[in-house]
Amino acid sequence: MDDADENETHTTQAGRDDSVRAFGNPFKGDERREKMVQRLRNKDALSWDLECDVAVVGGGACGFIAALAAAERGLEVVILEKEKKVGGNTALSQGMIPAAGTRFQKAAGIDDSAELMAEDIFRKNNYESDPEMTFHVCRESKHLVEWLVDAVGIHLDIVTDFLYPGHSRMRIHAPSTRKGTQIIQELRSALSTRENIMLVTQAPVKDLIATEAGEVLGLEVEIAGQGINRLRAKKVILACNGFGNNKEMLRKYIPEMADAFYFGHEGNTGEGILWGMELGAATEHMGAYQAHGSVAYPHATLLTWVVIVNGGFQVNKQGRRFSNEYTGYSEHAIEVLRQEDQMAVEIFDERIYRSVLSFEDFTQCVEIGAVKKGETVEDLARSFGLPPEELRLTLEAYNRAAEGRAPDPLGRQNFQGPLRPPFFGVRVTGALFHTQGGLKINKRAQVLRPDGSVIPNLYAGGGVAVGFSGSGVKGYSSANGLLAATVLGKIAGESAAEAVLAERT
C-alpha cells in the first residue's frame, strides 16, 4: 500500500475521514465550494439533495481526466467513487498511454502519425473497430498527452527501450515508475488544486434518474452515513469501467473467461453499461476483452510483458513451448490457460533480468520470491518441477532460431538474441484484466441509441464505452485500455462542459 492509499480520504481535502463530512463544511473560506455544499441542505421542489454542472461516476484515470477537463472550463464537478480507494484499473496498470505525433516522440527522433497509429490498431483488430472513432481518438491522443504534461502536471516520458507488439512506432508514454499508481497520485494532486471539483469516495451510484423520454437528469448515490441522495447534474459522465468482475455478465458475453483468474479492479461490475442499456443505448463488441498471459502465480503480481519482448519465452509443465509468445500478451493468455493446470513458466536470462529492473511490477516479483534463478537450465527446471532434459532441448531450439540458424517452429521472429546462463524463471498464469465492449458513443463521447440519436446529457468513456479492440481477445493492442480511458475521458469532460456553457447562453 502506497502513501496515497494510507491517507485515503473521502474528499480531496486533507484530514477528511468519512463521506458524511464531505457534505459538511470542508471548504470554509472558499466561497465557490461553500455554495456547492450549501445546495445539499437546501432541497428544491424536486427534492434534489445536491446540484452540480457535471457528475462523473468513477474515480480512475477516465473519471479524473474528465473532471479536470470540465473544471478547466469553470464548471462545478462532483466525482463519485464507490470504493474507499480511488484508481480503478489504472492503478493496477503500468500507466502506459499510446499517442502519435507528440513532441516527445519528435524530440526522440520518432516519426509517427495518427493515421499510422490507427492503421496499427486496425491491423491488430482485423478492421473491426469503428473507423471514425478510431481515427478521432488517435488524432486526439497527441493533445491528451501534451495536455496532461503541460496543464495537469503529469510526468510522462516516451518509452524508447522497446517496441510493444502491435505498434509499428515507439509511441507509448509512461510515468517513470511504469506504474499506473503514479498517474493516479499525480491526477489526485491536480484535483486537489481545483476549487470547483469535489471528490467523494465510498459513494456508490445506484441508478440514473431520467425522464420517460430518456433524458438524464441526475443520479441516485448512496453516501456512507447519509443513505440515498439525489444529485441533480446537467451532464453525467460514466467512467466506471467495464464488467470484468461481474460473473453474470461474463457468462453471457465472455463465457470463456467467466471462471478465469480476474486481475482487474474489484469495482468493475458493469453497472454503467447496464444503466445505459436500460435507457436504450446501443452496445458493441460485448465479447471483447483484454487478458494477460504473464501474471505471477500464486503471487497475483503482474510480470511485465517486456520480459517476453526482450527475448523471454514460456514453457508448459512438460518443459515445451506451446505458442508464439510475441503475438501479444492479451491473446497469449488464452494459450496459457489451455495448458495443464492453466500454468506456464516464463524463462529468461540475466540480460533480460537487468533490462526490466526499472519496472516496479518486476521488482515486486523479485521481492516476493516469484523469480527463481538457476546457474544452468537444468537447475532452473528442477526449481519448477520441469523435466530438465526437455527444457534443455527447448532452450537449444529457441537459441537456434534466435541466432538465425533455424526457423522457429512456432513462427516467432523477434528474439533479441539467444539466452545465456544464468537463467531465471517465474511461474505464471493467464488472467482477465478488463472488458473492451460497451456503450456506443460518438466523437463527443455522447452515448448513442441504435438509431444513432444521442441519449440527452449522458456521456461515457473508458471501459463503459466500446473500446478499440474489435471483437474477442486477439484485437487488443498494447495499452488500448488506457488509450480509451484517457482520451475519451478528456473528450467527455470537454464535450459536457461545452454543452453546459452553450445552454447558459
Protein backbone atom coordinates (compact mmCIF):
# COMPACT_ATOMS: atom_id res chain seq x y z
CA MET A 1 0.00 0.00 0.00
CA ASP A 2 1.43 3.37 -1.03
CA ASP A 3 1.24 6.63 0.89
CA ALA A 4 -1.78 7.80 -1.04
CA ASP A 5 -3.66 4.66 -0.11
CA GLU A 6 -2.73 5.00 3.57
CA ASN A 7 -4.02 8.55 3.60
CA GLU A 8 -7.20 7.89 1.60
CA THR A 9 -9.94 10.33 2.43
CA HIS A 10 -13.44 10.78 1.19
CA THR A 11 -12.80 14.12 -0.45
CA THR A 12 -9.73 15.72 -1.88
CA GLN A 13 -9.21 17.71 1.29
CA ALA A 14 -6.55 16.62 3.80
CA GLY A 15 -7.75 15.43 7.16
CA ARG A 16 -11.18 14.17 6.00
CA ASP A 17 -12.10 10.70 7.21
CA ASP A 18 -15.66 9.91 6.16
CA SER A 19 -18.17 10.54 3.37
CA VAL A 20 -20.62 12.30 5.64
CA ARG A 21 -18.17 15.11 6.28
CA ALA A 22 -17.67 15.53 2.59
CA PHE A 23 -21.06 17.23 2.63
CA GLY A 24 -20.49 19.16 5.83
CA ASN A 25 -18.34 22.26 5.75
CA PRO A 26 -14.91 21.19 4.45
CA PHE A 27 -14.40 24.27 2.30
CA LYS A 28 -14.73 27.07 4.84
CA GLY A 29 -13.39 30.28 3.43
CA ASP A 30 -13.82 29.08 -0.14
CA GLU A 31 -16.94 30.79 -1.43
CA ARG A 32 -17.39 28.71 -4.56
CA ARG A 33 -17.14 25.34 -2.82
CA GLU A 34 -19.26 26.69 0.03
CA LYS A 35 -22.10 27.26 -2.43
CA MET A 36 -21.77 23.70 -3.76
CA VAL A 37 -22.11 22.25 -0.26
CA GLN A 38 -24.98 24.54 0.78
CA ARG A 39 -27.14 23.15 -2.01
CA LEU A 40 -27.11 19.79 -0.26
CA ARG A 41 -29.06 21.20 2.69
CA ASN A 42 -31.49 23.34 0.69
CA LYS A 43 -33.68 20.90 -1.17
CA ASP A 44 -35.67 22.40 -4.01
CA ALA A 45 -39.13 21.46 -5.22
CA LEU A 46 -37.75 18.39 -6.96
CA SER A 47 -36.17 17.16 -3.74
CA TRP A 48 -32.64 17.18 -5.10
CA ASP A 49 -30.05 16.86 -2.37
CA LEU A 50 -27.18 18.29 -4.38
CA GLU A 51 -26.70 20.03 -7.70
CA CYS A 52 -23.68 20.34 -9.92
CA ASP A 53 -22.87 21.01 -13.53
CA VAL A 54 -21.20 17.66 -14.23
CA ALA A 55 -21.37 14.42 -12.27
CA VAL A 56 -18.62 11.91 -13.00
CA VAL A 57 -19.18 8.28 -12.00
CA GLY A 58 -15.84 6.59 -11.34
CA GLY A 59 -12.56 7.60 -9.73
CA GLY A 60 -9.96 6.23 -12.12
CA ALA A 61 -7.98 7.93 -14.86
CA CYS A 62 -11.03 8.33 -17.09
CA GLY A 63 -13.10 9.98 -14.38
CA PHE A 64 -10.31 12.17 -13.05
CA ILE A 65 -9.35 13.40 -16.50
CA ALA A 66 -12.99 14.05 -17.42
CA ALA A 67 -13.43 16.07 -14.23
CA LEU A 68 -10.29 18.11 -14.83
CA ALA A 69 -11.26 18.84 -18.42
CA ALA A 70 -14.72 20.03 -17.37
CA ALA A 71 -13.45 22.01 -14.38
CA GLU A 72 -10.90 23.72 -16.59
CA ARG A 73 -13.83 25.46 -18.25
CA GLY A 74 -15.17 26.74 -14.94
CA LEU A 75 -17.85 24.15 -14.23
CA GLU A 76 -18.72 22.62 -10.88
CA VAL A 77 -17.90 18.91 -10.92
CA VAL A 78 -18.60 16.07 -8.50
CA ILE A 79 -16.70 12.78 -8.80
CA LEU A 80 -18.36 9.75 -7.21
CA GLU A 81 -16.25 6.67 -6.49
CA LYS A 82 -17.94 3.68 -4.88
CA GLU A 83 -14.79 2.21 -3.34
CA LYS A 84 -12.73 3.62 -0.50
CA LYS A 85 -9.62 3.74 -2.68
CA VAL A 86 -9.52 5.59 -5.95
CA GLY A 87 -7.61 4.47 -9.02
CA GLY A 88 -9.58 1.63 -10.57
CA ASN A 89 -7.86 -0.38 -13.27
CA THR A 90 -5.44 2.47 -13.94
CA ALA A 91 -3.81 1.92 -10.56
CA LEU A 92 -3.28 -1.75 -11.45
CA SER A 93 -1.79 -0.98 -14.85
CA GLN A 94 1.69 0.05 -15.95
CA GLY A 95 0.40 3.54 -16.75
CA MET A 96 1.23 3.34 -20.45
CA ILE A 97 -0.61 5.69 -22.80
CA PRO A 98 -0.14 5.38 -26.58
CA ALA A 99 -0.12 8.64 -28.54
CA ALA A 100 1.06 9.61 -32.01
CA GLY A 101 2.85 12.76 -33.16
CA THR A 102 3.73 14.13 -29.74
CA ARG A 103 6.61 16.50 -29.20
CA PHE A 104 8.21 13.84 -27.02
CA GLN A 105 8.36 11.48 -29.99
CA LYS A 106 9.77 14.21 -32.21
CA ALA A 107 12.47 15.00 -29.65
CA ALA A 108 13.44 11.33 -29.67
CA GLY A 109 13.55 11.26 -33.47
CA ILE A 110 10.42 9.12 -33.83
CA ASP A 111 8.36 9.78 -36.95
CA ASP A 112 4.74 8.90 -36.24
CA SER A 113 1.23 9.99 -37.14
CA ALA A 114 -2.35 9.44 -36.05
CA GLU A 115 -3.05 7.73 -39.35
CA LEU A 116 -0.23 5.24 -38.82
CA MET A 117 -1.37 4.61 -35.24
CA ALA A 118 -4.93 3.95 -36.43
CA GLU A 119 -3.69 1.59 -39.11
CA ASP A 120 -1.75 -0.36 -36.48
CA ILE A 121 -4.93 -0.67 -34.42
CA PHE A 122 -6.95 -1.78 -37.45
CA ARG A 123 -4.34 -4.34 -38.42
CA LYS A 124 -4.46 -5.85 -34.93
CA ASN A 125 -8.27 -5.91 -34.63
CA ASN A 126 -8.94 -7.01 -38.22
CA TYR A 127 -10.52 -3.61 -39.01
CA GLU A 128 -13.38 -4.27 -36.60
CA SER A 129 -13.31 -1.04 -34.56
CA ASP A 130 -15.36 1.93 -35.69
CA PRO A 131 -13.20 3.75 -38.28
CA GLU A 132 -14.38 7.27 -37.46
CA MET A 133 -13.93 6.83 -33.71
CA THR A 134 -10.57 5.09 -34.10
CA PHE A 135 -9.11 7.86 -36.25
CA HIS A 136 -10.60 10.50 -33.95
CA VAL A 137 -9.09 9.03 -30.80
CA CYS A 138 -5.70 8.56 -32.46
CA ARG A 139 -5.70 12.21 -33.56
CA GLU A 140 -6.69 13.36 -30.08
CA SER A 141 -4.05 11.21 -28.36
CA LYS A 142 -1.31 13.78 -29.04
CA HIS A 143 -3.35 16.57 -27.46
CA LEU A 144 -4.22 14.37 -24.49
CA VAL A 145 -0.62 13.53 -23.60
CA GLU A 146 0.68 17.07 -24.05
CA TRP A 147 -2.25 18.50 -22.06
CA LEU A 148 -1.60 16.04 -19.22
CA VAL A 149 2.01 17.14 -19.05
CA ASP A 150 1.58 20.88 -19.64
CA ALA A 151 -1.74 21.73 -17.99
CA VAL A 152 -2.25 18.98 -15.42
CA GLY A 153 1.34 18.34 -14.33
CA ILE A 154 1.56 14.62 -15.05
CA HIS A 155 5.07 13.26 -15.61
CA LEU A 156 5.22 11.18 -18.78
CA ASP A 157 8.17 10.08 -20.90
CA ILE A 158 8.32 8.39 -24.28
CA VAL A 159 9.36 4.75 -23.85
CA THR A 160 12.24 4.01 -26.22
CA ASP A 161 13.64 0.87 -24.58
CA PHE A 162 11.48 -1.49 -26.61
CA LEU A 163 8.67 -1.72 -29.15
CA TYR A 164 5.48 -3.25 -27.83
CA PRO A 165 3.73 -5.83 -30.05
CA GLY A 166 1.03 -4.28 -32.19
CA HIS A 167 2.80 -0.93 -32.57
CA SER A 168 5.00 -0.05 -35.52
CA ARG A 169 6.42 3.00 -33.75
CA MET A 170 7.57 3.79 -30.22
CA ARG A 171 4.51 5.73 -29.08
CA ILE A 172 4.00 4.57 -25.50
CA HIS A 173 4.15 7.42 -22.97
CA ALA A 174 4.55 6.31 -19.37
CA PRO A 175 5.47 7.53 -15.87
CA SER A 176 8.97 6.93 -14.59
CA THR A 177 7.87 4.08 -12.32
CA ARG A 178 5.98 2.33 -15.13
CA LYS A 179 3.08 2.12 -12.67
CA GLY A 180 -0.43 3.50 -13.03
CA THR A 181 -0.44 4.43 -9.36
CA GLN A 182 1.92 7.29 -10.21
CA ILE A 183 -0.56 8.69 -12.73
CA ILE A 184 -3.41 8.38 -10.22
CA GLN A 185 -1.43 10.11 -7.49
CA GLU A 186 -0.50 12.98 -9.78
CA LEU A 187 -4.07 13.31 -11.04
CA ARG A 188 -5.30 13.42 -7.44
CA SER A 189 -2.81 16.13 -6.69
CA ALA A 190 -4.15 18.13 -9.62
CA LEU A 191 -7.74 17.60 -8.44
CA SER A 192 -6.91 18.99 -5.01
CA THR A 193 -5.92 22.33 -6.55
CA ARG A 194 -9.22 22.76 -8.41
CA GLU A 195 -11.70 24.60 -6.19
CA ASN A 196 -14.62 23.52 -8.35
CA ILE A 197 -14.11 19.73 -8.07
CA MET A 198 -15.48 17.62 -5.23
CA LEU A 199 -14.25 14.04 -4.94
CA VAL A 200 -16.37 11.68 -2.83
CA THR A 201 -15.38 8.08 -2.14
CA GLN A 202 -17.45 5.26 -0.65
CA ALA A 203 -20.31 6.71 -2.65
CA PRO A 204 -21.75 4.05 -4.97
CA VAL A 205 -24.15 5.34 -7.58
CA LYS A 206 -27.33 3.26 -7.51
CA ASP A 207 -29.11 4.43 -10.62
CA LEU A 208 -29.50 7.19 -13.16
CA ILE A 209 -32.52 9.48 -12.93
CA ALA A 210 -34.11 10.17 -16.29
CA THR A 211 -37.39 11.29 -17.83
CA GLU A 212 -39.68 8.84 -19.59
CA ALA A 213 -38.21 10.10 -22.86
CA GLY A 214 -34.75 9.06 -21.67
CA GLU A 215 -33.28 12.46 -20.85
CA VAL A 216 -30.81 12.05 -17.98
CA LEU A 217 -31.44 14.48 -15.12
CA GLY A 218 -29.06 13.18 -12.48
CA LEU A 219 -28.47 10.13 -10.33
CA GLU A 220 -29.04 8.42 -7.01
CA VAL A 221 -25.96 7.90 -4.87
CA GLU A 222 -25.60 6.12 -1.54
CA ILE A 223 -23.26 8.12 0.64
CA ALA A 224 -21.90 6.42 3.75
CA GLY A 225 -23.87 7.57 6.77
CA GLN A 226 -26.44 9.52 4.76
CA GLY A 227 -28.38 6.94 2.82
CA ILE A 228 -29.59 7.68 -0.69
CA ASN A 229 -29.01 11.19 -2.04
CA ARG A 230 -30.38 12.55 -5.29
CA LEU A 231 -27.84 14.54 -7.26
CA ARG A 232 -29.07 16.87 -9.98
CA ALA A 233 -26.49 17.14 -12.77
CA LYS A 234 -26.72 18.95 -16.05
CA LYS A 235 -24.45 16.28 -17.56
CA VAL A 236 -23.46 12.81 -16.35
CA ILE A 237 -20.24 11.09 -17.42
CA LEU A 238 -19.98 7.33 -16.93
CA ALA A 239 -16.32 6.48 -16.23
CA CYS A 240 -16.74 3.37 -14.07
CA ASN A 241 -15.08 0.81 -16.38
CA GLY A 242 -16.45 -2.48 -17.67
CA PHE A 243 -17.80 -5.75 -16.26
CA GLY A 244 -14.71 -7.84 -15.55
CA ASN A 245 -15.89 -8.57 -12.01
CA ASN A 246 -19.50 -9.35 -12.94
CA LYS A 247 -19.76 -13.14 -13.33
CA GLU A 248 -23.28 -12.99 -14.71
CA MET A 249 -22.32 -10.60 -17.49
CA LEU A 250 -19.13 -12.57 -18.19
CA ARG A 251 -21.09 -15.79 -18.60
CA LYS A 252 -23.42 -14.02 -21.00
CA TYR A 253 -20.88 -12.15 -23.11
CA ILE A 254 -17.44 -13.73 -22.49
CA PRO A 255 -18.12 -17.27 -21.27
CA GLU A 256 -14.57 -18.48 -21.93
CA MET A 257 -13.26 -16.11 -19.23
CA ALA A 258 -16.08 -16.40 -16.69
CA ASP A 259 -14.05 -18.66 -14.41
CA ALA A 260 -10.58 -17.34 -15.22
CA PHE A 261 -8.45 -15.53 -12.67
CA TYR A 262 -9.54 -11.87 -12.61
CA PHE A 263 -6.73 -9.37 -12.25
CA GLY A 264 -8.72 -6.16 -12.67
CA HIS A 265 -10.27 -3.81 -10.13
CA GLU A 266 -12.98 -5.31 -7.95
CA GLY A 267 -15.29 -2.39 -8.65
CA ASN A 268 -15.65 -3.22 -12.34
CA THR A 269 -19.11 -4.72 -12.13
CA GLY A 270 -20.70 -3.30 -15.27
CA GLU A 271 -23.41 -1.06 -13.85
CA GLY A 272 -22.50 1.85 -16.12
CA ILE A 273 -23.12 -0.30 -19.18
CA LEU A 274 -26.33 -1.69 -17.69
CA TRP A 275 -27.69 1.79 -16.91
CA GLY A 276 -27.04 2.83 -20.49
CA MET A 277 -28.73 -0.28 -21.84
CA GLU A 278 -31.78 0.39 -19.64
CA LEU A 279 -32.05 3.81 -21.30
CA GLY A 280 -31.94 2.21 -24.73
CA ALA A 281 -28.24 2.69 -25.51
CA ALA A 282 -26.60 0.67 -28.24
CA THR A 283 -23.74 -1.65 -27.34
CA GLU A 284 -20.98 -3.13 -29.45
CA HIS A 285 -18.31 -5.86 -29.20
CA MET A 286 -19.50 -7.05 -25.81
CA GLY A 287 -17.38 -10.17 -26.24
CA ALA A 288 -14.14 -8.16 -26.46
CA TYR A 289 -11.65 -8.12 -23.61
CA GLN A 290 -8.03 -7.72 -22.58
CA ALA A 291 -6.32 -10.61 -20.91
CA HIS A 292 -2.71 -11.11 -19.88
CA GLY A 293 -0.57 -14.21 -20.21
CA SER A 294 2.06 -13.32 -17.64
CA VAL A 295 0.67 -12.99 -14.11
CA ALA A 296 2.95 -14.49 -11.45
CA TYR A 297 1.29 -17.41 -9.66
CA PRO A 298 0.29 -17.76 -6.88
CA HIS A 299 1.55 -14.28 -6.04
CA ALA A 300 -1.04 -12.50 -8.26
CA THR A 301 1.53 -9.93 -9.37
CA LEU A 302 1.96 -8.82 -12.95
CA LEU A 303 5.25 -9.82 -14.55
CA THR A 304 5.88 -7.16 -17.15
CA TRP A 305 5.46 -8.35 -20.74
CA VAL A 306 8.75 -6.64 -21.54
CA VAL A 307 10.39 -9.87 -20.35
CA ILE A 308 8.90 -11.51 -23.45
CA VAL A 309 9.51 -8.52 -25.71
CA ASN A 310 13.18 -8.53 -24.73
CA GLY A 311 13.59 -12.20 -25.54
CA GLY A 312 11.97 -14.41 -22.92
CA PHE A 313 9.78 -17.41 -23.70
CA GLN A 314 7.28 -19.66 -21.94
CA VAL A 315 7.03 -23.42 -21.46
CA ASN A 316 4.34 -25.70 -20.07
CA LYS A 317 4.71 -28.34 -17.36
CA GLN A 318 6.31 -30.64 -19.93
CA GLY A 319 9.09 -28.10 -20.50
CA ARG A 320 7.94 -27.31 -24.04
CA ARG A 321 7.00 -24.03 -25.68
CA PHE A 322 3.37 -24.03 -26.80
CA SER A 323 2.78 -20.76 -28.68
CA ASN A 324 4.43 -17.81 -30.41
CA GLU A 325 4.74 -15.58 -27.36
CA TYR A 326 5.33 -12.43 -29.38
CA THR A 327 1.81 -12.16 -30.82
CA GLY A 328 0.66 -10.13 -27.80
CA TYR A 329 0.04 -10.51 -24.09
CA SER A 330 -3.75 -10.45 -24.41
CA GLU A 331 -4.32 -13.33 -26.81
CA HIS A 332 -1.39 -15.26 -25.34
CA ALA A 333 -3.35 -15.57 -22.09
CA ILE A 334 -5.72 -17.96 -23.83
CA GLU A 335 -2.79 -20.18 -24.80
CA VAL A 336 -1.55 -20.25 -21.20
CA LEU A 337 -5.00 -21.15 -19.90
CA ARG A 338 -5.11 -24.10 -22.29
CA GLN A 339 -2.06 -25.70 -20.66
CA GLU A 340 -2.14 -28.25 -17.87
CA ASP A 341 -3.27 -26.61 -14.61
CA GLN A 342 -3.54 -23.35 -16.64
CA MET A 343 0.11 -22.67 -15.83
CA ALA A 344 3.34 -21.87 -17.63
CA VAL A 345 6.88 -20.94 -16.64
CA GLU A 346 8.45 -17.84 -18.17
CA ILE A 347 12.16 -18.31 -18.94
CA PHE A 348 14.73 -15.52 -19.39
CA ASP A 349 18.36 -14.71 -18.72
CA GLU A 350 20.37 -12.09 -16.84
CA ARG A 351 20.40 -9.66 -19.75
CA ILE A 352 16.62 -9.57 -19.71
CA TYR A 353 16.53 -9.56 -15.91
CA ARG A 354 18.61 -6.38 -15.80
CA SER A 355 16.63 -4.74 -18.62
CA VAL A 356 13.38 -4.78 -16.63
CA LEU A 357 14.61 -3.79 -13.17
CA SER A 358 13.19 -0.30 -13.72
CA PHE A 359 9.66 -1.77 -13.72
CA GLU A 360 8.09 -1.81 -10.27
CA ASP A 361 5.94 -4.80 -11.19
CA PHE A 362 9.05 -6.84 -11.94
CA THR A 363 10.95 -5.73 -8.84
CA GLN A 364 7.91 -6.64 -6.77
CA CYS A 365 8.03 -10.13 -8.27
CA VAL A 366 11.68 -10.34 -7.25
CA GLU A 367 11.00 -9.11 -3.72
CA ILE A 368 8.19 -11.58 -3.05
CA GLY A 369 10.20 -14.54 -4.32
CA ALA A 370 8.34 -15.24 -7.55
CA VAL A 371 11.59 -15.10 -9.57
CA LYS A 372 13.85 -18.14 -9.30
CA LYS A 373 17.41 -18.47 -10.58
CA GLY A 374 19.41 -21.38 -11.96
CA GLU A 375 23.06 -21.42 -12.93
CA THR A 376 22.15 -23.93 -15.63
CA VAL A 377 18.87 -24.51 -17.42
CA GLU A 378 18.67 -27.91 -15.73
CA ASP A 379 18.95 -26.25 -12.32
CA LEU A 380 16.12 -23.90 -13.24
CA ALA A 381 13.99 -26.78 -14.47
CA ARG A 382 14.30 -28.56 -11.12
CA SER A 383 13.21 -25.38 -9.30
CA PHE A 384 9.84 -25.56 -11.07
CA GLY A 385 9.46 -29.32 -11.29
CA LEU A 386 10.03 -29.34 -15.05
CA PRO A 387 11.80 -32.19 -16.90
CA PRO A 388 15.42 -30.92 -17.14
CA GLU A 389 16.30 -32.66 -20.41
CA GLU A 390 13.15 -31.44 -22.17
CA LEU A 391 13.72 -27.85 -21.06
CA ARG A 392 17.34 -28.03 -22.27
CA LEU A 393 16.17 -29.20 -25.72
CA THR A 394 13.57 -26.42 -25.80
CA LEU A 395 16.19 -23.80 -24.96
CA GLU A 396 18.58 -25.11 -27.62
CA ALA A 397 15.86 -24.97 -30.29
CA TYR A 398 14.90 -21.47 -29.19
CA ASN A 399 18.50 -20.26 -29.33
CA ARG A 400 19.00 -21.72 -32.81
CA ALA A 401 16.05 -19.66 -34.01
CA ALA A 402 17.25 -16.58 -32.09
CA GLU A 403 20.67 -16.86 -33.76
CA GLY A 404 19.10 -17.28 -37.20
CA ARG A 405 20.40 -20.84 -37.64
CA ALA A 406 16.92 -22.36 -37.97
CA PRO A 407 13.34 -21.13 -38.27
CA ASP A 408 11.30 -21.04 -35.10
CA PRO A 409 8.79 -23.93 -35.23
CA LEU A 410 6.14 -21.69 -33.64
CA GLY A 411 6.71 -18.82 -36.06
CA ARG A 412 8.33 -16.32 -33.73
CA GLN A 413 10.62 -13.82 -35.46
CA ASN A 414 11.52 -11.40 -32.66
CA PHE A 415 14.12 -12.70 -30.19
CA GLN A 416 16.67 -10.04 -29.20
CA GLY A 417 19.37 -12.71 -29.27
CA PRO A 418 19.89 -16.11 -27.63
CA LEU A 419 19.59 -16.72 -23.90
CA ARG A 420 22.74 -17.40 -21.87
CA PRO A 421 23.28 -18.65 -18.30
CA PRO A 422 22.46 -17.91 -15.60
CA PHE A 423 18.73 -18.35 -16.19
CA PHE A 424 15.64 -17.06 -14.42
CA GLY A 425 12.03 -18.19 -14.31
CA VAL A 426 8.62 -17.26 -12.96
CA ARG A 427 5.53 -19.47 -12.76
CA VAL A 428 2.67 -17.61 -14.47
CA THR A 429 -0.97 -17.99 -15.39
CA GLY A 430 -3.39 -16.21 -17.71
CA ALA A 431 -5.87 -13.70 -16.36
CA LEU A 432 -8.69 -11.41 -17.38
CA PHE A 433 -7.80 -7.73 -16.96
CA HIS A 434 -10.76 -5.80 -18.32
CA THR A 435 -13.59 -5.95 -20.82
CA GLN A 436 -13.48 -3.96 -24.04
CA GLY A 437 -17.10 -3.95 -25.17
CA GLY A 438 -19.55 -1.31 -24.07
CA LEU A 439 -21.85 1.56 -24.98
CA LYS A 440 -21.61 3.10 -28.41
CA ILE A 441 -20.59 6.75 -28.35
CA ASN A 442 -19.94 9.47 -30.92
CA LYS A 443 -16.93 11.75 -31.35
CA ARG A 444 -18.19 13.91 -28.48
CA ALA A 445 -18.42 10.84 -26.19
CA GLN A 446 -22.21 11.11 -26.10
CA VAL A 447 -23.99 7.80 -25.58
CA LEU A 448 -25.92 6.66 -28.65
CA ARG A 449 -29.09 4.73 -29.29
CA PRO A 450 -29.20 2.08 -32.05
CA ASP A 451 -30.61 4.65 -34.49
CA GLY A 452 -27.64 6.96 -33.90
CA SER A 453 -29.53 9.52 -31.81
CA VAL A 454 -27.98 10.63 -28.52
CA ILE A 455 -29.28 9.95 -25.04
CA PRO A 456 -29.52 13.54 -23.73
CA ASN A 457 -26.98 14.57 -21.09
CA LEU A 458 -25.19 11.20 -20.95
CA TYR A 459 -21.51 10.66 -21.81
CA ALA A 460 -19.21 7.67 -21.45
CA GLY A 461 -15.53 6.80 -21.66
CA GLY A 462 -13.03 4.15 -20.67
CA GLY A 463 -14.42 0.68 -20.09
CA VAL A 464 -18.05 1.82 -20.14
CA ALA A 465 -17.69 2.80 -23.81
CA VAL A 466 -16.84 0.31 -26.52
CA GLY A 467 -13.07 0.17 -26.99
CA PHE A 468 -10.81 -0.20 -29.98
CA SER A 469 -10.09 -3.91 -29.94
CA GLY A 470 -12.84 -5.19 -32.17
CA SER A 471 -14.32 -8.49 -31.05
CA GLY A 472 -12.80 -11.19 -28.86
CA VAL A 473 -9.31 -11.10 -27.37
CA LYS A 474 -6.97 -11.02 -30.37
CA GLY A 475 -7.66 -7.44 -31.37
CA TYR A 476 -6.23 -5.82 -28.25
CA SER A 477 -3.18 -3.64 -28.94
CA SER A 478 -0.83 -2.84 -26.09
CA ALA A 479 -2.25 -0.05 -23.89
CA ASN A 480 -5.63 0.12 -25.68
CA GLY A 481 -7.27 0.27 -22.26
CA LEU A 482 -5.60 3.49 -21.15
CA LEU A 483 -5.98 4.92 -24.64
CA ALA A 484 -9.77 4.71 -24.24
CA ALA A 485 -9.71 5.77 -20.58
CA THR A 486 -7.58 8.87 -21.00
CA VAL A 487 -8.51 10.21 -24.42
CA LEU A 488 -12.23 9.51 -24.09
CA GLY A 489 -12.17 10.91 -20.57
CA LYS A 490 -10.80 14.22 -21.84
CA ILE A 491 -13.25 14.29 -24.74
CA ALA A 492 -16.20 13.54 -22.43
CA GLY A 493 -15.22 16.26 -19.96
CA GLU A 494 -14.68 18.86 -22.67
CA SER A 495 -17.87 17.96 -24.52
CA ALA A 496 -20.02 18.01 -21.39
CA ALA A 497 -18.60 21.37 -20.37
CA GLU A 498 -19.13 22.89 -23.81
CA ALA A 499 -22.74 21.70 -23.79
CA VAL A 500 -23.41 23.20 -20.35
CA LEU A 501 -21.88 26.52 -21.34
CA ALA A 502 -23.86 26.58 -24.58
CA GLU A 503 -27.10 26.01 -22.68
CA ARG A 504 -26.36 29.02 -20.48
CA THR A 505 -26.31 31.40 -23.42
